[in-house]
Amino acid sequence: MNNAPAPQGAKENAAKDREEYGDFITLARVVKTQGRHGEVAAEIHSDVPERFAAGMKLFGLRSAGSARHPSAEERRPERILLRIEDLWPHKGLLVVKFAGVDSISDAEGLIGCELQLPMAERAELDQGWTYVSELIGCTVFDRGREIGRIADVQFGAGEAPLLIVADEVRGEAKKGCEATKYDVPFAEAYLESVDAGKREVRMNLPEGMLEINAPMTAEEKRQQGKSGK
């Protein structure tokens, strides 16, 4: 892992962006190229991908190593302005064609790029758009019962983002004092409400889902290992 500090120019660019636009929020991340004419595939960090539209302008945050063979200049984190020319869903991802990105080579430079909007522009979007990146730290309830806090959000494994919910209270009651974690799909079918002010996510999960999706404890893994011998 490269822990080298960002170049001074990168820090200056980031500071300039914050001064001009304020903080940013990530809506999606480019994961790969798609097609021969500059299209890219992105994983969505919002539960309403239909809110993306042709003509929409986004900021692309290119982090170190976004390009396949980055030069010293390309390794500097920077935001570039992008305009969506066309888009369509494909296998759980969103395929996007940006204006001016017309070849596979151009598209490769966007791999790993975070697609962002200034926080101030959130008010211009329809109410009800939940940003998955803001869910970390929220308390999750299943049919009114608290099951834990969101420790992480994973993307790309299915149609819906996966909430990693940690039940620290239950974990302390077990040997090792590690938080019990559940994998919970952030799917509309299970979602009751999201209260950003209270930092609460209320869901109605299918009976037995938490038991099925809970990873094995260290003791359970040892027992499984013994039974397999």
Protein backbone atom coordinates (compact mmCIF):
# COMPACT_ATOMS: atom_id res chain seq x y z
CA MET A 1 0.00 0.00 0.00
CA ASN A 2 1.31 3.42 -0.93
CA ASN A 3 1.17 5.76 2.07
CA ALA A 4 3.08 8.58 0.42
CA PRO A 5 1.52 12.02 0.95
CA ALA A 6 -0.43 13.54 -1.92
CA PRO A 7 1.54 16.00 -4.07
CA GLN A 8 1.23 19.65 -3.09
CA GLY A 9 -0.64 20.37 -6.32
CA ALA A 10 -3.28 17.80 -5.42
CA LYS A 11 -3.81 19.39 -2.01
CA GLU A 12 -4.14 22.80 -3.63
CA ASN A 13 -6.70 21.46 -6.15
CA ALA A 14 -8.76 19.83 -3.40
CA ALA A 15 -8.67 22.99 -1.29
CA LYS A 16 -9.74 25.08 -4.28
CA ASP A 17 -12.66 22.75 -4.97
CA ARG A 18 -13.83 22.95 -1.35
CA GLU A 19 -13.50 26.72 -1.33
CA GLU A 20 -15.55 27.10 -4.53
CA TYR A 21 -18.15 24.33 -4.12
CA GLY A 22 -18.02 23.20 -0.48
CA ASP A 23 -18.09 19.52 0.41
CA PHE A 24 -18.92 16.84 -2.15
CA ILE A 25 -21.00 13.68 -1.97
CA THR A 26 -20.28 10.55 -4.00
CA LEU A 27 -23.16 9.21 -6.13
CA ALA A 28 -21.34 6.39 -7.96
CA ARG A 29 -17.90 4.94 -8.75
CA VAL A 30 -16.55 3.84 -12.11
CA VAL A 31 -15.46 0.20 -11.91
CA LYS A 32 -14.56 -0.70 -15.52
CA THR A 33 -14.81 0.23 -19.18
CA GLN A 34 -17.85 -0.97 -21.12
CA GLY A 35 -17.97 -0.98 -24.91
CA ARG A 36 -15.71 0.43 -27.59
CA HIS A 37 -16.79 4.06 -27.69
CA GLY A 38 -15.75 5.36 -24.27
CA GLU A 39 -18.57 3.93 -22.17
CA VAL A 40 -17.89 3.06 -18.53
CA ALA A 41 -19.75 0.93 -15.98
CA ALA A 42 -20.38 2.41 -12.53
CA GLU A 43 -21.64 1.02 -9.24
CA ILE A 44 -24.35 3.21 -7.76
CA HIS A 45 -24.03 4.68 -4.27
CA SER A 46 -27.69 5.73 -4.20
CA ASP A 47 -30.80 3.60 -3.91
CA VAL A 48 -32.49 5.45 -6.80
CA PRO A 49 -30.29 5.03 -9.91
CA GLU A 50 -33.14 6.33 -12.12
CA ARG A 51 -32.36 9.87 -10.91
CA PHE A 52 -29.29 9.93 -13.17
CA ALA A 53 -30.19 11.46 -16.53
CA ALA A 54 -28.67 12.47 -19.84
CA GLY A 55 -27.34 16.01 -19.67
CA MET A 56 -26.58 15.76 -15.95
CA LYS A 57 -23.23 17.26 -14.94
CA LEU A 58 -21.06 15.47 -12.39
CA PHE A 59 -17.62 15.95 -10.92
CA GLY A 60 -15.27 13.02 -11.36
CA LEU A 61 -12.74 12.63 -8.55
CA ARG A 62 -9.76 10.78 -9.98
CA SER A 63 -7.71 9.26 -7.18
CA ALA A 64 -4.14 8.04 -7.36
CA GLY A 65 -3.83 5.21 -9.84
CA SER A 66 -7.18 5.73 -11.60
CA ALA A 67 -5.57 5.31 -14.98
CA ARG A 68 -4.18 1.90 -15.91
CA HIS A 69 -0.68 3.33 -16.49
CA PRO A 70 -0.81 6.70 -14.70
CA SER A 71 1.86 9.30 -15.22
CA ALA A 72 3.13 11.40 -12.32
CA GLU A 73 0.62 14.09 -13.24
CA GLU A 74 -2.27 11.60 -13.48
CA ARG A 75 -1.48 10.23 -10.02
CA ARG A 76 -2.55 13.54 -8.52
CA PRO A 77 -6.12 13.42 -7.16
CA GLU A 78 -8.23 15.93 -9.05
CA ARG A 79 -11.84 16.64 -9.95
CA ILE A 80 -12.89 16.92 -13.56
CA LEU A 81 -16.26 18.09 -14.84
CA LEU A 82 -18.19 15.43 -16.76
CA ARG A 83 -21.51 15.56 -18.62
CA ILE A 84 -23.65 12.46 -19.12
CA GLU A 85 -24.37 11.93 -22.81
CA ASP A 86 -26.23 8.63 -22.49
CA LEU A 87 -26.79 5.93 -19.87
CA TRP A 88 -28.52 2.60 -19.32
CA PRO A 89 -28.60 -0.15 -16.65
CA HIS A 90 -26.63 -3.36 -17.22
CA LYS A 91 -26.25 -6.34 -14.86
CA GLY A 92 -26.62 -4.35 -11.65
CA LEU A 93 -24.37 -1.51 -12.85
CA LEU A 94 -25.03 1.74 -14.67
CA VAL A 95 -23.35 2.13 -18.06
CA VAL A 96 -22.54 5.78 -18.75
CA LYS A 97 -21.29 7.55 -21.86
CA PHE A 98 -19.72 10.90 -21.00
CA ALA A 99 -19.36 13.68 -23.55
CA GLY A 100 -15.81 13.84 -24.87
CA VAL A 101 -14.91 10.33 -23.64
CA ASP A 102 -14.96 8.53 -26.98
CA SER A 103 -12.50 5.64 -26.80
CA ILE A 104 -11.51 2.74 -24.57
CA SER A 105 -8.28 4.58 -23.81
CA ASP A 106 -10.22 7.64 -22.64
CA ALA A 107 -12.51 5.46 -20.53
CA GLU A 108 -9.61 3.66 -18.84
CA GLY A 109 -8.57 6.98 -17.33
CA LEU A 110 -11.86 7.08 -15.42
CA ILE A 111 -11.59 3.64 -13.76
CA GLY A 112 -11.81 4.12 -9.99
CA CYS A 113 -13.17 7.62 -10.46
CA GLU A 114 -15.82 8.75 -7.93
CA LEU A 115 -18.77 10.54 -9.54
CA GLN A 116 -19.75 13.38 -7.25
CA LEU A 117 -21.96 16.43 -6.75
CA PRO A 118 -21.39 19.39 -4.43
CA MET A 119 -23.41 18.95 -1.23
CA ALA A 120 -25.08 22.30 -1.94
CA GLU A 121 -26.73 20.84 -5.06
CA ARG A 122 -28.55 18.14 -3.10
CA ALA A 123 -31.49 20.49 -2.59
CA GLU A 124 -32.02 20.54 -6.37
CA LEU A 125 -32.64 16.78 -6.41
CA ASP A 126 -36.01 15.27 -5.62
CA GLN A 127 -36.70 14.47 -1.98
CA GLY A 128 -36.39 10.82 -1.11
CA TRP A 129 -32.99 10.22 -2.77
CA THR A 130 -31.02 8.41 -0.10
CA TYR A 131 -27.25 8.55 -0.45
CA VAL A 132 -25.86 5.20 0.60
CA SER A 133 -22.53 6.82 1.50
CA GLU A 134 -24.34 8.65 4.33
CA LEU A 135 -25.75 5.51 5.93
CA ILE A 136 -22.55 4.45 7.73
CA GLY A 137 -23.08 4.97 11.45
CA CYS A 138 -26.88 4.81 11.28
CA THR A 139 -28.76 2.51 13.64
CA VAL A 140 -30.75 -0.24 11.92
CA PHE A 141 -34.09 -1.50 13.19
CA ASP A 142 -35.87 -4.63 12.01
CA ARG A 143 -39.62 -4.45 12.71
CA GLY A 144 -38.92 -2.00 15.52
CA ARG A 145 -36.08 -4.03 17.10
CA GLU A 146 -32.60 -2.51 17.07
CA ILE A 147 -30.13 -4.89 15.41
CA GLY A 148 -26.98 -2.74 15.28
CA ARG A 149 -25.18 0.08 13.48
CA ILE A 150 -24.04 0.21 9.87
CA ALA A 151 -20.27 -0.31 9.86
CA ASP A 152 -19.76 -0.47 6.11
CA VAL A 153 -21.56 -0.56 2.76
CA GLN A 154 -20.47 -2.92 -0.02
CA PHE A 155 -21.35 -2.60 -3.69
CA GLY A 156 -21.30 -4.79 -6.76
CA ALA A 157 -22.32 -8.10 -5.17
CA GLY A 158 -25.97 -7.84 -6.28
CA GLU A 159 -28.68 -5.49 -7.42
CA ALA A 160 -28.85 -3.74 -4.01
CA PRO A 161 -25.98 -2.37 -1.90
CA LEU A 162 -25.12 -4.59 1.07
CA LEU A 163 -25.23 -3.04 4.55
CA ILE A 164 -22.72 -4.50 7.01
CA VAL A 165 -24.54 -4.10 10.33
CA ALA A 166 -22.53 -4.61 13.54
CA ASP A 167 -24.33 -5.67 16.72
CA GLU A 168 -21.69 -4.75 19.30
CA VAL A 169 -23.92 -5.55 22.28
CA ARG A 170 -24.51 -9.12 21.15
CA GLY A 171 -20.85 -9.47 20.18
CA GLU A 172 -19.71 -8.55 23.70
CA ALA A 173 -21.84 -11.36 25.08
CA LYS A 174 -19.83 -13.87 23.05
CA LYS A 175 -16.26 -15.03 23.46
CA GLY A 176 -13.74 -12.72 21.84
CA CYS A 177 -15.93 -9.65 22.38
CA GLU A 178 -16.13 -9.06 18.63
CA ALA A 179 -19.23 -7.42 17.18
CA THR A 180 -21.66 -9.79 15.51
CA LYS A 181 -22.10 -8.61 11.92
CA TYR A 182 -25.01 -9.10 9.54
CA ASP A 183 -25.13 -8.68 5.76
CA VAL A 184 -28.39 -6.83 5.01
CA PRO A 185 -29.44 -5.93 1.43
CA PHE A 186 -30.45 -2.27 1.20
CA ALA A 187 -33.39 -3.19 -1.01
CA GLU A 188 -36.59 -1.21 -1.47
CA ALA A 189 -38.64 -4.34 -0.73
CA TYR A 190 -37.24 -4.44 2.83
CA LEU A 191 -36.97 -0.70 3.50
CA GLU A 192 -39.54 1.00 5.70
CA SER A 193 -37.94 4.41 6.19
CA VAL A 194 -34.69 6.34 6.49
CA ASP A 195 -34.52 9.21 8.99
CA ALA A 196 -31.32 11.13 8.27
CA GLY A 197 -31.87 13.47 11.22
CA LYS A 198 -32.18 10.65 13.75
CA ARG A 199 -29.59 8.53 11.91
CA GLU A 200 -32.03 5.61 11.77
CA VAL A 201 -32.82 3.03 9.09
CA ARG A 202 -36.02 1.05 9.67
CA MET A 203 -36.55 -2.19 7.77
CA ASN A 204 -38.90 -5.16 7.57
CA LEU A 205 -36.61 -8.09 6.87
CA PRO A 206 -37.77 -11.60 5.94
CA GLU A 207 -37.92 -13.92 8.92
CA GLY A 208 -34.64 -15.75 9.40
CA MET A 209 -32.54 -13.43 7.16
CA LEU A 210 -30.33 -12.22 10.01
CA GLU A 211 -29.53 -15.76 11.12
CA ILE A 212 -28.73 -16.84 7.56
CA ASN A 213 -26.56 -13.81 6.76
CA ALA A 214 -24.69 -13.64 10.06
CA PRO A 215 -21.07 -14.78 9.58
CA MET A 216 -19.78 -17.65 11.72
CA THR A 217 -18.11 -16.86 15.01
CA ALA A 218 -14.54 -18.03 15.67
CA GLU A 219 -15.91 -20.88 17.81
CA GLU A 220 -18.34 -21.96 15.07
CA LYS A 221 -15.48 -21.97 12.55
CA ARG A 222 -13.40 -24.18 14.85
CA GLN A 223 -16.30 -26.59 15.29
CA GLN A 224 -16.82 -26.72 11.52
CA GLY A 225 -13.13 -27.45 11.04
CA LYS A 226 -13.27 -30.32 13.52
CA SER A 227 -16.35 -31.85 11.91
CA GLY A 228 -14.69 -31.71 8.49
CA LYS A 229 -11.74 -33.80 9.60
